Amino acid sequence: MAARTSDTLLQEATRVAALGLNVRLSKVLEHRGGGAGFVVVAGVGWHAGVVGNATVGDDLESPAGYAFHSAKAVISNHLANEQRFRTPSLLVEHGVTRAINVIIQTEETRYGVLEVDTPSEGRFDEHDVAFLEGLAGLLGVAIQRDRREQELRVSETALKAAVAFQEVLTQEVSHRVKNSLSIVAGLLSMQARTSANVEVSNALRAAGRRVGTIAAVHDRLWRNNQSRSVDLKEFLSGLTDQLEASASGSIVDCQSISLEVSTEQAVTLGLLVNELVTNAIKYAYGEDGGRVAVELSSDESSALRLSVRDFGKGLPVDFDAATSGGLGLKLIRSLSVQLGGRATWRSGEPGTVYELEFDPVPAEVTTNLGRPR
């Protein structure tokens, strides 16, 4: 391929990947197809002549091949004892004992694999995967953009292609934001693990989870091509399913009307629901978890009513919605104001009920969600 701006990014990504996971070896494998497997197109730490020349098999018995074909991250912390795969000769030559492989995917095709390797002892985990997947997502965007630019240069219908390209750029912005946030969330989680101060570690983990939620919201909107409007029933159902999956032992029920609103309002509502459900699971129940009910309905005046209820131990005796709580409740108050709503807290006998009334914002209306009503 001709020189591309993404080539520089590929090389820089391998450097950042190795630095972020505190290892020496990292590489990008481009899939060639037709039985040619992968070729190492960028990398750090390898012997002279590897980058640009070395090849790796793409069958399911190789870690990179399995990641590529299954579109799933592969962690192998003991390559010598690995029963799923064989160890590629390139890794054997460099004494590699542990590896992570994540797929690099453009809007249209699977490009290849981002891999981190090390001969040192230790363990890779899901936080390392999140960090690498964020980098891989940025690489996919850059590669796709280069391909689009080349298509525009050779297209006989340059005007139509330019319009389409602008639409792609709009999607790229959301995708880039999501992946950048994923990297931040991964870094916060990694820093939390290294902190000796329990309070600092817990704060970093909480911050990482919140940033990860924002990234997930952006990813959901980008994948569904929802740049201007969002159907709240589909959006909240997907969000609560994700919250239930991440909260071991808890059940999150969701009942919502189907209504198209502006993406800006949907994002604010999604962040509010995330904080409410997370707080309910954390404070209403013990380690075994419990049930949280999320409901979005509409009254005769067309106003929306959000209700989030748990069935746990209820509100503290001295609870004051205007002043109580830490960062979580402060965010809930702030997001409620952004929606222009009137929030109330009450006992659910058992449990706690949060309710918020607010007006929907149609996609075609530009408004300040935080403006007093």
Foldseek 3Di string as FASTA:
>chain_A
DDDAPLLVLQQVLQVCLCVLVVAFKKFWWFQDDPQQATATQYMGNADPPRHPGPHDHLDQQEQFNVCQVVQDKDWDQAQVPDPRHHYTPRCVVVQWGIKIWHWQAAPPGTTGIIMDTHNDHDGDDPLSVLQSVLSSLVSNLRVNLRVLVVCLVPDPPNVVSVVVSVLSVLLSVLSNLLSVLSNQLSSLQVVLVVDPDVVSSVVSNVVSVLSNQLSVLSVVCSVVVPQQKDFLVVSVVVLLVVVCVVQPQEEEAEEEDTDIFTSVLSSLVSSLVSLLVVVCQVPFDDSNTYYKYWYWDADPVRKIKIKIWTQGAADDPPDDLVDDDDPSSVSNVVSLLQQLWDWDWDCPNPTIMIMIIHHGHHRVDDDRSNDHD
